[in-house]
PDB file of N, CA and C in Angstrom:
ATOM      1  N   MET A   1       8.670   1.236  75.548  1.00  0.00           N
ATOM      2  CA  MET A   1       7.111   1.516  76.062  1.00  0.00           C
ATOM      3  C   MET A   1       6.455   0.599  76.160  1.00  0.00           C
ATOM      4  N   GLU A   2       5.503   0.213  77.799  1.00  0.00           N
ATOM      5  CA  GLU A   2       4.905  -1.192  78.151  1.00  0.00           C
ATOM      6  C   GLU A   2       3.958  -0.209  78.861  1.00  0.00           C
ATOM      7  N   PHE A   3       2.752  -1.525  78.796  1.00  0.00           N
ATOM      8  CA  PHE A   3       1.245  -1.249  79.328  1.00  0.00           C
ATOM      9  C   PHE A   3       2.192  -0.635  80.876  1.00  0.00           C
ATOM     10  N   THR A   4       1.818   0.489  81.786  1.00  0.00           N
ATOM     11  CA  THR A   4       2.221   0.554  83.023  1.00  0.00           C
ATOM     12  C   THR A   4       0.450   0.533  84.335  1.00  0.00           C
ATOM     13  N   PRO A   5       0.602   0.097  85.322  1.00  0.00           N
ATOM     14  CA  PRO A   5      -0.709   0.025  85.969  1.00  0.00           C
ATOM     15  C   PRO A   5      -1.671   1.485  86.016  1.00  0.00           C
ATOM     16  N   VAL A   6      -0.824   2.218  85.601  1.00  0.00           N
ATOM     17  CA  VAL A   6      -1.440   3.636  85.594  1.00  0.00           C
ATOM     18  C   VAL A   6      -2.358   3.043  83.572  1.00  0.00           C
ATOM     19  N   ILE A   7      -1.403   3.282  82.899  1.00  0.00           N
ATOM     20  CA  ILE A   7      -1.627   3.000  81.650  1.00  0.00           C
ATOM     21  C   ILE A   7      -2.915   1.876  81.498  1.00  0.00           C
ATOM     22  N   LEU A   8      -2.989   1.079  82.843  1.00  0.00           N
ATOM     23  CA  LEU A   8      -3.894  -0.949  82.070  1.00  0.00           C
ATOM     24  C   LEU A   8      -5.436   0.158  82.503  1.00  0.00           C
ATOM     25  N   ILE A   9      -5.337   1.352  84.098  1.00  0.00           N
ATOM     26  CA  ILE A   9      -6.460   0.965  84.654  1.00  0.00           C
ATOM     27  C   ILE A   9      -7.251   2.598  83.543  1.00  0.00           C
ATOM     28  N   HIS A  10      -6.358   2.963  82.992  1.00  0.00           N
ATOM     29  CA  HIS A  10      -7.032   4.596  82.148  1.00  0.00           C
ATOM     30  C   HIS A  10      -7.879   3.089  80.550  1.00  0.00           C
ATOM     31  N   VAL A  11      -6.897   2.826  80.025  1.00  0.00           N
ATOM     32  CA  VAL A  11      -6.916   1.475  78.927  1.00  0.00           C
ATOM     33  C   VAL A  11      -8.789   0.429  79.439  1.00  0.00           C
ATOM     34  N   LEU A  12      -8.987   0.457  80.942  1.00  0.00           N
ATOM     35  CA  LEU A  12      -9.260  -0.739  81.982  1.00  0.00           C
ATOM     36  C   LEU A  12     -10.937  -0.015  81.559  1.00  0.00           C
ATOM     37  N   ALA A  13     -10.588   1.479  82.224  1.00  0.00           N
ATOM     38  CA  ALA A  13     -11.660   2.264  83.026  1.00  0.00           C
ATOM     39  C   ALA A  13     -12.497   2.902  81.939  1.00  0.00           C
ATOM     40  N   ALA A  14     -11.170   3.610  80.929  1.00  0.00           N
ATOM     41  CA  ALA A  14     -12.251   4.298  78.707  1.00  0.00           C
ATOM     42  C   ALA A  14     -12.703   3.048  78.412  1.00  0.00           C
ATOM     43  N   SER A  15     -11.879   1.461  78.213  1.00  0.00           N
ATOM     44  CA  SER A  15     -13.598   0.954  78.167  1.00  0.00           C
ATOM     45  C   SER A  15     -14.293   0.477  78.075  1.00  0.00           C
ATOM     46  N   GLY A  16     -14.481   0.407  79.526  1.00  0.00           N
ATOM     47  CA  GLY A  16     -15.712  -0.586  80.515  1.00  0.00           C
ATOM     48  C   GLY A  16     -17.142   1.602  79.946  1.00  0.00           C
ATOM     49  N   ALA A  17     -16.288   2.215  80.510  1.00  0.00           N
ATOM     50  CA  ALA A  17     -17.284   3.999  80.143  1.00  0.00           C
ATOM     51  C   ALA A  17     -17.864   4.449  78.577  1.00  0.00           C
ATOM     52  N   VAL A  18     -17.166   3.152  77.631  1.00  0.00           N
ATOM     53  CA  VAL A  18     -17.879   3.245  76.325  1.00  0.00           C
ATOM     54  C   VAL A  18     -18.994   2.097  76.782  1.00  0.00           C
ATOM     55  N   VAL A  19     -18.510   1.059  77.036  1.00  0.00           N
ATOM     56  CA  VAL A  19     -19.278   0.316  77.150  1.00  0.00           C
ATOM     57  C   VAL A  19     -20.870   0.383  77.879  1.00  0.00           C
ATOM     58  N   ALA A  20     -20.290   0.836  79.434  1.00  0.00           N
ATOM     59  CA  ALA A  20     -21.958   1.722  80.121  1.00  0.00           C
ATOM     60  C   ALA A  20     -22.290   2.389  79.724  1.00  0.00           C
ATOM     61  N   GLY A  21     -21.418   3.588  79.504  1.00  0.00           N
ATOM     62  CA  GLY A  21     -22.119   4.760  78.611  1.00  0.00           C
ATOM     63  C   GLY A  21     -23.454   4.638  77.246  1.00  0.00           C
ATOM     64  N   GLY A  22     -22.585   3.905  76.412  1.00  0.00           N
ATOM     65  CA  GLY A  22     -23.256   3.526  75.101  1.00  0.00           C
ATOM     66  C   GLY A  22     -24.229   2.852  75.612  1.00  0.00           C
ATOM     67  N   ILE A  23     -24.945   1.615  76.505  1.00  0.00           N
ATOM     68  CA  ILE A  23     -25.857   1.079  76.927  1.00  0.00           C
ATOM     69  C   ILE A  23     -27.212   2.135  77.729  1.00  0.00           C
ATOM     70  N   ALA A  24     -26.664   2.836  78.587  1.00  0.00           N
ATOM     71  CA  ALA A  24     -27.162   4.009  79.506  1.00  0.00           C
ATOM     72  C   ALA A  24     -27.752   4.839  78.561  1.00  0.00           C
ATOM     73  N   LEU A  25     -26.750   5.094  77.283  1.00  0.00           N
ATOM     74  CA  LEU A  25     -27.426   5.713  76.153  1.00  0.00           C
ATOM     75  C   LEU A  25     -28.689   5.535  75.587  1.00  0.00           C
ATOM     76  N   ALA A  26     -28.768   4.530  74.786  1.00  0.00           N
ATOM     77  CA  ALA A  26     -29.613   3.206  74.856  1.00  0.00           C
ATOM     78  C   ALA A  26     -31.060   3.421  75.384  1.00  0.00           C
ATOM     79  N   LEU A  27     -31.012   3.193  76.312  1.00  0.00           N
ATOM     80  CA  LEU A  27     -31.943   2.472  77.157  1.00  0.00           C
ATOM     81  C   LEU A  27     -33.582   3.620  77.194  1.00  0.00           C
ATOM     82  N   LYS A  28     -34.549   3.071  77.960  1.00  0.00           N
ATOM     83  CA  LYS A  28     -35.231   3.927  78.140  1.00  0.00           C
ATOM     84  C   LYS A  28     -34.913   4.534  79.453  1.00  0.00           C
ATOM     85  N   LYS A  29     -34.662   6.704  79.593  1.00  0.00           N
ATOM     86  CA  LYS A  29     -33.762   7.023  80.324  1.00  0.00           C
ATOM     87  C   LYS A  29     -35.264   7.503  81.868  1.00  0.00           C
ATOM     88  N   GLY A  30     -34.669   7.165  82.619  1.00  0.00           N
ATOM     89  CA  GLY A  30     -35.061   8.322  84.128  1.00  0.00           C
ATOM     90  C   GLY A  30     -35.529   5.804  84.514  1.00  0.00           C
ATOM     91  N   THR A  31     -34.797   4.954  84.082  1.00  0.00           N
ATOM     92  CA  THR A  31     -35.068   3.379  84.393  1.00  0.00           C
ATOM     93  C   THR A  31     -34.027   3.383  85.661  1.00  0.00           C
ATOM     94  N   THR A  32     -34.646   2.496  87.162  1.00  0.00           N
ATOM     95  CA  THR A  32     -33.105   1.220  87.121  1.00  0.00           C
ATOM     96  C   THR A  32     -32.108   1.318  87.094  1.00  0.00           C
ATOM     97  N   LEU A  33     -32.042   0.536  86.415  1.00  0.00           N
ATOM     98  CA  LEU A  33     -31.344   0.360  84.878  1.00  0.00           C
ATOM     99  C   LEU A  33     -30.083   1.016  83.888  1.00  0.00           C
ATOM    100  N   HIS A  34     -30.348   2.208  84.313  1.00  0.00           N
ATOM    101  CA  HIS A  34     -30.740   3.922  83.594  1.00  0.00           C
ATOM    102  C   HIS A  34     -29.594   4.011  84.681  1.00  0.00           C
ATOM    103  N   ARG A  35     -29.870   4.433  85.716  1.00  0.00           N
ATOM    104  CA  ARG A  35     -29.231   5.362  86.485  1.00  0.00           C
ATOM    105  C   ARG A  35     -28.257   4.041  87.338  1.00  0.00           C
ATOM    106  N   ILE A  36     -28.291   3.046  87.438  1.00  0.00           N
ATOM    107  CA  ILE A  36     -27.158   2.278  87.424  1.00  0.00           C
ATOM    108  C   ILE A  36     -25.971   2.803  87.085  1.00  0.00           C
ATOM    109  N   LEU A  37     -25.909   2.743  85.323  1.00  0.00           N
ATOM    110  CA  LEU A  37     -24.822   1.914  84.444  1.00  0.00           C
ATOM    111  C   LEU A  37     -24.713   3.938  84.229  1.00  0.00           C
ATOM    112  N   GLY A  38     -25.517   4.934  84.273  1.00  0.00           N
ATOM    113  CA  GLY A  38     -25.068   6.017  84.248  1.00  0.00           C
ATOM    114  C   GLY A  38     -24.453   6.549  85.774  1.00  0.00           C
ATOM    115  N   ARG A  39     -24.746   5.760  86.888  1.00  0.00           N
ATOM    116  CA  ARG A  39     -23.613   5.937  87.679  1.00  0.00           C
ATOM    117  C   ARG A  39     -22.264   6.055  87.547  1.00  0.00           C
ATOM    118  N   THR A  40     -22.494   4.004  86.975  1.00  0.00           N
ATOM    119  CA  THR A  40     -21.202   3.691  86.580  1.00  0.00           C
ATOM    120  C   THR A  40     -20.392   4.168  85.368  1.00  0.00           C
ATOM    121  N   TRP A  41     -20.387   4.460  84.633  1.00  0.00           N
ATOM    122  CA  TRP A  41     -20.015   5.340  83.796  1.00  0.00           C
ATOM    123  C   TRP A  41     -19.778   6.560  84.369  1.00  0.00           C
ATOM    124  N   VAL A  42     -20.245   7.631  85.170  1.00  0.00           N
ATOM    125  CA  VAL A  42     -19.962   8.492  85.516  1.00  0.00           C
ATOM    126  C   VAL A  42     -18.318   8.085  86.898  1.00  0.00           C
ATOM    127  N   ALA A  43     -18.498   7.620  86.982  1.00  0.00           N
ATOM    128  CA  ALA A  43     -17.913   6.533  88.510  1.00  0.00           C
ATOM    129  C   ALA A  43     -16.499   6.115  87.681  1.00  0.00           C
ATOM    130  N   LEU A  44     -16.615   5.198  86.327  1.00  0.00           N
ATOM    131  CA  LEU A  44     -15.466   5.251  85.392  1.00  0.00           C
ATOM    132  C   LEU A  44     -14.831   5.782  84.012  1.00  0.00           C
ATOM    133  N   MET A  45     -16.187   7.422  84.184  1.00  0.00           N
ATOM    134  CA  MET A  45     -15.265   8.526  83.517  1.00  0.00           C
ATOM    135  C   MET A  45     -14.345   9.481  84.540  1.00  0.00           C
ATOM    136  N   LEU A  46     -14.292   9.189  85.665  1.00  0.00           N
ATOM    137  CA  LEU A  46     -13.302   9.422  86.651  1.00  0.00           C
ATOM    138  C   LEU A  46     -12.093   9.202  86.845  1.00  0.00           C
ATOM    139  N   VAL A  47     -12.062   8.033  86.664  1.00  0.00           N
ATOM    140  CA  VAL A  47     -11.325   6.971  86.811  1.00  0.00           C
ATOM    141  C   VAL A  47     -10.084   7.556  85.983  1.00  0.00           C
ATOM    142  N   THR A  48     -11.420   7.993  84.594  1.00  0.00           N
ATOM    143  CA  THR A  48     -10.370   8.102  83.015  1.00  0.00           C
ATOM    144  C   THR A  48      -9.773   9.042  82.743  1.00  0.00           C
ATOM    145  N   ALA A  49     -10.839  10.145  83.547  1.00  0.00           N
ATOM    146  CA  ALA A  49     -10.292  11.489  83.525  1.00  0.00           C
ATOM    147  C   ALA A  49      -8.964  11.790  83.602  1.00  0.00           C
ATOM    148  N   LEU A  50      -9.705  11.594  84.900  1.00  0.00           N
ATOM    149  CA  LEU A  50      -8.549  12.170  86.475  1.00  0.00           C
ATOM    150  C   LEU A  50      -6.663  10.932  86.212  1.00  0.00           C
ATOM    151  N   GLY A  51      -7.605  10.218  85.577  1.00  0.00           N
ATOM    152  CA  GLY A  51      -6.269   8.734  85.896  1.00  0.00           C
ATOM    153  C   GLY A  51      -5.025   9.607  84.738  1.00  0.00           C
ATOM    154  N   SER A  52      -5.994  10.283  83.589  1.00  0.00           N
ATOM    155  CA  SER A  52      -5.003  10.469  82.389  1.00  0.00           C
ATOM    156  C   SER A  52      -3.950  11.391  82.679  1.00  0.00           C
ATOM    157  N   PHE A  53      -4.279  12.412  83.606  1.00  0.00           N
ATOM    158  CA  PHE A  53      -2.687  12.908  83.941  1.00  0.00           C
ATOM    159  C   PHE A  53      -1.839  13.071  84.148  1.00  0.00           C
ATOM    160  N   ALA A  54      -2.268  12.026  84.183  1.00  0.00           N
ATOM    161  CA  ALA A  54      -0.826  10.977  85.027  1.00  0.00           C
ATOM    162  C   ALA A  54       0.207   9.975  83.987  1.00  0.00           C
ATOM    163  N   ILE A  55      -0.968  10.891  83.003  1.00  0.00           N
ATOM    164  CA  ILE A  55       0.051   9.057  81.418  1.00  0.00           C
ATOM    165  C   ILE A  55       0.105  10.410  80.542  1.00  0.00           C
ATOM    166  N   GLN A  56       2.038  10.181  80.775  1.00  0.00           N
ATOM    167  CA  GLN A  56       1.881  11.865  80.283  1.00  0.00           C
ATOM    168  C   GLN A  56       3.655  11.662  79.171  1.00  0.00           C
ATOM    169  N   THR A  57       3.764  12.168  78.311  1.00  0.00           N
ATOM    170  CA  THR A  57       4.038  12.206  77.190  1.00  0.00           C
ATOM    171  C   THR A  57       5.981  13.159  76.947  1.00  0.00           C
ATOM    172  N   ARG A  58       7.118  12.657  77.711  1.00  0.00           N
ATOM    173  CA  ARG A  58       8.429  12.885  78.055  1.00  0.00           C
ATOM    174  C   ARG A  58       7.876  14.263  79.376  1.00  0.00           C
ATOM    175  N   GLY A  59       6.927  13.294  80.252  1.00  0.00           N
ATOM    176  CA  GLY A  59       6.751  14.690  81.323  1.00  0.00           C
ATOM    177  C   GLY A  59       6.036  15.670  81.145  1.00  0.00           C
ATOM    178  N   HIS A  60       5.124  15.756  79.945  1.00  0.00           N
ATOM    179  CA  HIS A  60       4.092  17.125  80.051  1.00  0.00           C
ATOM    180  C   HIS A  60       3.181  16.434  79.674  1.00  0.00           C
ATOM    181  N   PHE A  61       2.192  16.814  79.782  1.00  0.00           N
ATOM    182  CA  PHE A  61       0.367  17.111  78.824  1.00  0.00           C
ATOM    183  C   PHE A  61       0.465  17.206  77.657  1.00  0.00           C
ATOM    184  N   SER A  62      -0.196  16.187  76.694  1.00  0.00           N
ATOM    185  CA  SER A  62      -0.596  16.965  75.114  1.00  0.00           C
ATOM    186  C   SER A  62      -1.422  18.012  74.986  1.00  0.00           C
ATOM    187  N   MET A  63      -2.150  18.031  73.906  1.00  0.00           N
ATOM    188  CA  MET A  63      -3.830  18.503  73.935  1.00  0.00           C
ATOM    189  C   MET A  63      -4.762  17.539  74.009  1.00  0.00           C
ATOM    190  N   ILE A  64      -4.797  15.894  73.930  1.00  0.00           N
ATOM    191  CA  ILE A  64      -5.689  15.477  74.633  1.00  0.00           C
ATOM    192  C   ILE A  64      -5.557  15.593  75.674  1.00  0.00           C
ATOM    193  N   HIS A  65      -5.535  16.302  76.820  1.00  0.00           N
ATOM    194  CA  HIS A  65      -5.492  16.346  77.661  1.00  0.00           C
ATOM    195  C   HIS A  65      -7.051  17.077  78.402  1.00  0.00           C
ATOM    196  N   LEU A  66      -6.799  17.944  77.191  1.00  0.00           N
ATOM    197  CA  LEU A  66      -7.622  19.002  77.875  1.00  0.00           C
ATOM    198  C   LEU A  66      -9.171  18.875  77.518  1.00  0.00           C
ATOM    199  N   LEU A  67      -9.488  17.654  76.832  1.00  0.00           N
ATOM    200  CA  LEU A  67     -10.884  16.950  76.730  1.00  0.00           C
ATOM    201  C   LEU A  67     -10.599  15.809  78.016  1.00  0.00           C
ATOM    202  N   SER A  68      -9.976  15.818  78.634  1.00  0.00           N
ATOM    203  CA  SER A  68      -9.881  15.124  80.582  1.00  0.00           C
ATOM    204  C   SER A  68     -10.511  16.574  81.053  1.00  0.00           C
ATOM    205  N   VAL A  69     -10.148  17.785  81.037  1.00  0.00           N
ATOM    206  CA  VAL A  69     -10.643  19.121  82.018  1.00  0.00           C
ATOM    207  C   VAL A  69     -12.031  18.829  81.243  1.00  0.00           C
ATOM    208  N   LEU A  70     -12.585  18.926  80.197  1.00  0.00           N
ATOM    209  CA  LEU A  70     -13.430  19.147  79.529  1.00  0.00           C
ATOM    210  C   LEU A  70     -14.649  18.142  79.883  1.00  0.00           C
ATOM    211  N   THR A  71     -14.090  16.917  80.501  1.00  0.00           N
ATOM    212  CA  THR A  71     -14.853  16.070  80.351  1.00  0.00           C
ATOM    213  C   THR A  71     -15.149  16.410  82.232  1.00  0.00           C
ATOM    214  N   LEU A  72     -14.327  16.044  83.326  1.00  0.00           N
ATOM    215  CA  LEU A  72     -14.974  16.669  84.182  1.00  0.00           C
ATOM    216  C   LEU A  72     -15.600  17.326  84.258  1.00  0.00           C
ATOM    217  N   ALA A  73     -15.522  19.042  83.799  1.00  0.00           N
ATOM    218  CA  ALA A  73     -16.543  19.876  83.713  1.00  0.00           C
ATOM    219  C   ALA A  73     -17.817  19.682  83.126  1.00  0.00           C
ATOM    220  N   GLY A  74     -17.727  18.719  81.808  1.00  0.00           N
ATOM    221  CA  GLY A  74     -19.414  17.585  81.565  1.00  0.00           C
ATOM    222  C   GLY A  74     -19.210  17.553  82.307  1.00  0.00           C
ATOM    223  N   LEU A  75     -18.807  16.467  82.545  1.00  0.00           N
ATOM    224  CA  LEU A  75     -19.986  15.670  84.163  1.00  0.00           C
ATOM    225  C   LEU A  75     -20.381  16.294  85.225  1.00  0.00           C
ATOM    226  N   GLY A  76     -19.924  17.103  85.743  1.00  0.00           N
ATOM    227  CA  GLY A  76     -20.369  18.300  87.234  1.00  0.00           C
ATOM    228  C   GLY A  76     -21.439  18.717  86.635  1.00  0.00           C
ATOM    229  N   GLY A  77     -21.490  19.156  85.356  1.00  0.00           N
ATOM    230  CA  GLY A  77     -22.793  20.007  84.986  1.00  0.00           C
ATOM    231  C   GLY A  77     -24.136  19.748  84.726  1.00  0.00           C
ATOM    232  N   SER A  78     -23.396  18.501  84.198  1.00  0.00           N
ATOM    233  CA  SER A  78     -24.806  17.075  83.380  1.00  0.00           C
ATOM    234  C   SER A  78     -25.888  17.104  85.201  1.00  0.00           C
ATOM    235  N   LEU A  79     -23.839  16.766  86.185  1.00  0.00           N
ATOM    236  CA  LEU A  79     -25.064  15.934  87.532  1.00  0.00           C
ATOM    237  C   LEU A  79     -25.503  16.929  87.505  1.00  0.00           C
ATOM    238  N   PHE A  80     -24.982  18.104  87.488  1.00  0.00           N
ATOM    239  CA  PHE A  80     -25.775  19.719  88.505  1.00  0.00           C
ATOM    240  C   PHE A  80     -26.998  19.833  87.986  1.00  0.00           C
ATOM    241  N   ALA A  81     -26.680  19.740  86.848  1.00  0.00           N
ATOM    242  CA  ALA A  81     -27.950  19.671  85.943  1.00  0.00           C
ATOM    243  C   ALA A  81     -29.426  18.752  86.366  1.00  0.00           C
ATOM    244  N   VAL A  82     -29.137  17.653  86.678  1.00  0.00           N
ATOM    245  CA  VAL A  82     -30.442  16.214  86.389  1.00  0.00           C
ATOM    246  C   VAL A  82     -30.051  16.613  88.721  1.00  0.00           C
ATOM    247  N   ALA A  83     -29.700  16.963  89.089  1.00  0.00           N
ATOM    248  CA  ALA A  83     -30.024  17.327  90.214  1.00  0.00           C
ATOM    249  C   ALA A  83     -30.941  18.675  90.630  1.00  0.00           C
ATOM    250  N   ARG A  84     -30.883  19.156  89.185  1.00  0.00           N
ATOM    251  CA  ARG A  84     -31.554  20.285  89.135  1.00  0.00           C
ATOM    252  C   ARG A  84     -33.069  20.755  88.858  1.00  0.00           C
ATOM    253  N   GLY A  85     -33.297  19.785  87.789  1.00  0.00           N
ATOM    254  CA  GLY A  85     -34.510  18.990  87.764  1.00  0.00           C
ATOM    255  C   GLY A  85     -34.437  19.225  85.930  1.00  0.00           C
ATOM    256  N   ARG A  86     -33.096  19.975  85.710  1.00  0.00           N
ATOM    257  CA  ARG A  86     -33.314  20.479  84.645  1.00  0.00           C
ATOM    258  C   ARG A  86     -32.614  18.758  83.346  1.00  0.00           C
ATOM    259  N   ILE A  87     -34.133  18.683  83.573  1.00  0.00           N
ATOM    260  CA  ILE A  87     -33.364  16.742  82.665  1.00  0.00           C
ATOM    261  C   ILE A  87     -33.032  17.197  81.155  1.00  0.00           C
ATOM    262  N   GLN A  88     -33.044  18.462  80.129  1.00  0.00           N
ATOM    263  CA  GLN A  88     -32.273  18.413  79.210  1.00  0.00           C
ATOM    264  C   GLN A  88     -31.002  18.930  78.541  1.00  0.00           C
ATOM    265  N   SER A  89     -31.018  19.483  79.442  1.00  0.00           N
ATOM    266  CA  SER A  89     -29.498  19.647  80.309  1.00  0.00           C
ATOM    267  C   SER A  89     -28.705  18.451  80.199  1.00  0.00           C
ATOM    268  N   HIS A  90     -29.252  18.095  80.911  1.00  0.00           N
ATOM    269  CA  HIS A  90     -28.276  17.332  81.484  1.00  0.00           C
ATOM    270  C   HIS A  90     -28.255  15.817  80.295  1.00  0.00           C
ATOM    271  N   ARG A  91     -29.133  15.553  79.990  1.00  0.00           N
ATOM    272  CA  ARG A  91     -29.098  14.951  78.277  1.00  0.00           C
ATOM    273  C   ARG A  91     -28.213  15.249  77.073  1.00  0.00           C
ATOM    274  N   ARG A  92     -28.122  16.870  77.124  1.00  0.00           N
ATOM    275  CA  ARG A  92     -27.369  17.152  76.414  1.00  0.00           C
ATOM    276  C   ARG A  92     -25.148  16.817  76.774  1.00  0.00           C
ATOM    277  N   GLY A  93     -25.599  17.166  77.911  1.00  0.00           N
ATOM    278  CA  GLY A  93     -24.409  17.614  78.646  1.00  0.00           C
ATOM    279  C   GLY A  93     -23.508  16.095  78.540  1.00  0.00           C
ATOM    280  N   MET A  94     -24.379  14.968  79.002  1.00  0.00           N
ATOM    281  CA  MET A  94     -23.878  13.276  79.139  1.00  0.00           C
ATOM    282  C   MET A  94     -24.216  12.622  77.557  1.00  0.00           C
ATOM    283  N   ARG A  95     -24.805  13.832  76.411  1.00  0.00           N
ATOM    284  CA  ARG A  95     -24.618  12.670  75.241  1.00  0.00           C
ATOM    285  C   ARG A  95     -22.987  13.829  74.790  1.00  0.00           C
ATOM    286  N   TYR A  96     -22.960  14.535  74.794  1.00  0.00           N
ATOM    287  CA  TYR A  96     -20.972  15.166  73.982  1.00  0.00           C
ATOM    288  C   TYR A  96     -20.417  14.767  75.280  1.00  0.00           C
ATOM    289  N   THR A  97     -20.234  14.374  76.087  1.00  0.00           N
ATOM    290  CA  THR A  97     -19.621  14.177  76.610  1.00  0.00           C
ATOM    291  C   THR A  97     -18.878  12.867  77.020  1.00  0.00           C
ATOM    292  N   TYR A  98     -19.805  11.530  76.791  1.00  0.00           N
ATOM    293  CA  TYR A  98     -19.588  10.570  75.975  1.00  0.00           C
ATOM    294  C   TYR A  98     -19.229  10.473  74.483  1.00  0.00           C
ATOM    295  N   ILE A  99     -19.504  11.090  73.793  1.00  0.00           N
ATOM    296  CA  ILE A  99     -19.589  11.482  71.801  1.00  0.00           C
ATOM    297  C   ILE A  99     -17.445  12.045  72.495  1.00  0.00           C
ATOM    298  N   GLY A 100     -17.619  13.217  73.488  1.00  0.00           N
ATOM    299  CA  GLY A 100     -15.722  13.498  73.171  1.00  0.00           C
ATOM    300  C   GLY A 100     -14.910  12.092  74.123  1.00  0.00           C
ATOM    301  N   LEU A 101     -15.226  10.984  74.689  1.00  0.00           N
ATOM    302  CA  LEU A 101     -14.886   9.797  75.339  1.00  0.00           C
ATOM    303  C   LEU A 101     -14.437   9.685  73.642  1.00  0.00           C
ATOM    304  N   VAL A 102     -15.493   8.725  72.992  1.00  0.00           N
ATOM    305  CA  VAL A 102     -15.047   7.565  71.649  1.00  0.00           C
ATOM    306  C   VAL A 102     -14.154   9.225  71.044  1.00  0.00           C
ATOM    307  N   ILE A 103     -14.584  10.039  70.708  1.00  0.00           N
ATOM    308  CA  ILE A 103     -13.551  10.730  69.977  1.00  0.00           C
ATOM    309  C   ILE A 103     -11.990  10.929  70.695  1.00  0.00           C
ATOM    310  N   ALA A 104     -11.785  11.455  71.892  1.00  0.00           N
ATOM    311  CA  ALA A 104     -10.347  10.970  72.373  1.00  0.00           C
ATOM    312  C   ALA A 104      -9.747   9.203  71.728  1.00  0.00           C
ATOM    313  N   GLY A 105     -10.622   8.890  72.825  1.00  0.00           N
ATOM    314  CA  GLY A 105     -10.356   6.656  72.066  1.00  0.00           C
ATOM    315  C   GLY A 105      -9.507   7.331  71.218  1.00  0.00           C
ATOM    316  N   VAL A 106     -10.394   7.298  69.700  1.00  0.00           N
ATOM    317  CA  VAL A 106      -9.884   7.461  68.164  1.00  0.00           C
ATOM    318  C   VAL A 106      -8.927   8.061  68.163  1.00  0.00           C
ATOM    319  N   PHE A 107      -8.248   9.383  68.282  1.00  0.00           N
ATOM    320  CA  PHE A 107      -7.258  10.102  68.817  1.00  0.00           C
ATOM    321  C   PHE A 107      -5.823   9.028  69.178  1.00  0.00           C
ATOM    322  N   THR A 108      -6.650   8.582  70.974  1.00  0.00           N
ATOM    323  CA  THR A 108      -5.404   8.034  71.909  1.00  0.00           C
ATOM    324  C   THR A 108      -4.686   6.182  71.156  1.00  0.00           C
ATOM    325  N   LEU A 109      -5.551   6.089  69.823  1.00  0.00           N
ATOM    326  CA  LEU A 109      -5.933   4.653  69.596  1.00  0.00           C
ATOM    327  C   LEU A 109      -4.157   5.222  68.562  1.00  0.00           C
ATOM    328  N   LEU A 110      -4.259   6.119  68.012  1.00  0.00           N
ATOM    329  CA  LEU A 110      -3.957   5.801  66.016  1.00  0.00           C
ATOM    330  C   LEU A 110      -2.492   6.379  66.648  1.00  0.00           C
ATOM    331  N   PRO A 111      -1.908   5.382  65.747  1.00  0.00           N
ATOM    332  CA  PRO A 111      -0.396   4.643  66.002  1.00  0.00           C
ATOM    333  C   PRO A 111       0.872   5.343  66.244  1.00  0.00           C
ATOM    334  N   ASN A 112       0.626   6.108  65.692  1.00  0.00           N
ATOM    335  CA  ASN A 112       1.493   7.619  65.857  1.00  0.00           C
ATOM    336  C   ASN A 112       1.668   8.080  67.536  1.00  0.00           C
ATOM    337  N   ARG A 113       0.892   7.082  68.287  1.00  0.00           N
ATOM    338  CA  ARG A 113       0.486   8.128  70.315  1.00  0.00           C
ATOM    339  C   ARG A 113       0.789   7.314  70.492  1.00  0.00           C
ATOM    340  N   ARG A 114       1.121   7.187  72.017  1.00  0.00           N
ATOM    341  CA  ARG A 114       1.983   6.072  72.932  1.00  0.00           C
ATOM    342  C   ARG A 114       1.380   4.652  73.528  1.00  0.00           C
ATOM    343  N   LEU A 115      -0.149   5.669  73.647  1.00  0.00           N
ATOM    344  CA  LEU A 115      -0.837   4.518  74.057  1.00  0.00           C
ATOM    345  C   LEU A 115      -1.436   3.586  72.829  1.00  0.00           C
ATOM    346  N   GLY A 116      -1.425   4.061  71.245  1.00  0.00           N
ATOM    347  CA  GLY A 116      -1.951   3.690  70.239  1.00  0.00           C
ATOM    348  C   GLY A 116      -1.169   2.670  69.281  1.00  0.00           C
ATOM    349  N   TYR A 117      -0.155   2.895  69.657  1.00  0.00           N
ATOM    350  CA  TYR A 117       1.549   2.447  69.894  1.00  0.00           C
ATOM    351  C   TYR A 117       0.983   1.172  70.620  1.00  0.00           C
ATOM    352  N   LEU A 118       1.499   1.684  72.266  1.00  0.00           N
ATOM    353  CA  LEU A 118       1.138   0.347  72.518  1.00  0.00           C
ATOM    354  C   LEU A 118       0.130  -0.606  72.106  1.00  0.00           C
ATOM    355  N   VAL A 119      -1.412  -0.002  71.988  1.00  0.00           N
ATOM    356  CA  VAL A 119      -2.119  -1.476  72.218  1.00  0.00           C
ATOM    357  C   VAL A 119      -2.284  -2.503  70.552  1.00  0.00           C
ATOM    358  N   TRP A 120      -1.570  -1.701  69.034  1.00  0.00           N
ATOM    359  CA  TRP A 120      -0.912  -2.226  68.158  1.00  0.00           C
ATOM    360  C   TRP A 120      -0.201  -2.574  68.248  1.00  0.00           C
ATOM    361  N   HIS A 121       1.011  -2.041  68.444  1.00  0.00           N
ATOM    362  CA  HIS A 121       2.564  -3.224  69.252  1.00  0.00           C
ATOM    363  C   HIS A 121       2.091  -4.795  69.743  1.00  0.00           C
ATOM    364  N   SER A 122       0.942  -4.094  70.536  1.00  0.00           N
ATOM    365  CA  SER A 122       0.882  -5.883  71.580  1.00  0.00           C
ATOM    366  C   SER A 122      -0.350  -7.039  70.740  1.00  0.00           C
ATOM    367  N   VAL A 123      -0.788  -7.006  69.867  1.00  0.00           N
ATOM    368  CA  VAL A 123      -1.715  -7.345  68.830  1.00  0.00           C
ATOM    369  C   VAL A 123      -0.919  -7.534  67.193  1.00  0.00           C
ATOM    370  N   GLY A 124       0.143  -7.233  67.701  1.00  0.00           N
ATOM    371  CA  GLY A 124       1.556  -7.662  66.263  1.00  0.00           C
ATOM    372  C   GLY A 124       1.719  -6.283  64.456  1.00  0.00           C
ATOM    373  N   LEU A 125       0.529  -5.886  64.834  1.00  0.00           N
ATOM    374  CA  LEU A 125       0.152  -4.665  63.433  1.00  0.00           C
ATOM    375  C   LEU A 125       1.098  -3.382  63.475  1.00  0.00           C
ATOM    376  N   VAL A 126       2.002  -2.954  64.692  1.00  0.00           N
ATOM    377  CA  VAL A 126       2.967  -2.407  64.202  1.00  0.00           C
ATOM    378  C   VAL A 126       4.262  -2.782  64.661  1.00  0.00           C
TER     379      VAL A 126
END
């Protein structure tokens, strides 16, 4: 197994999303920086979620791909909510989507998963 361009893009986008999303959630809401980082986070999440469908084990989707579907729905719902002025719904949706990103990252990085194996093998721990 090796890092393919699709996997590398997925890892870089997801890693960037963890950072951008974490900062956006920590910032005062509604500021220009919060909005810029929020939009950056959404773009990175779209790349991460959509790109995940190109990463398959033996040509099949896995259960973790359900999180990608939920991510796309969460992003869409949260963006719809903020456009309608439903800020609490937007906050809740973005928070849960970010938590989903972190959970997916933890499960993806388990040593018995393809990406986890690649990461841990590349640093010499597997």
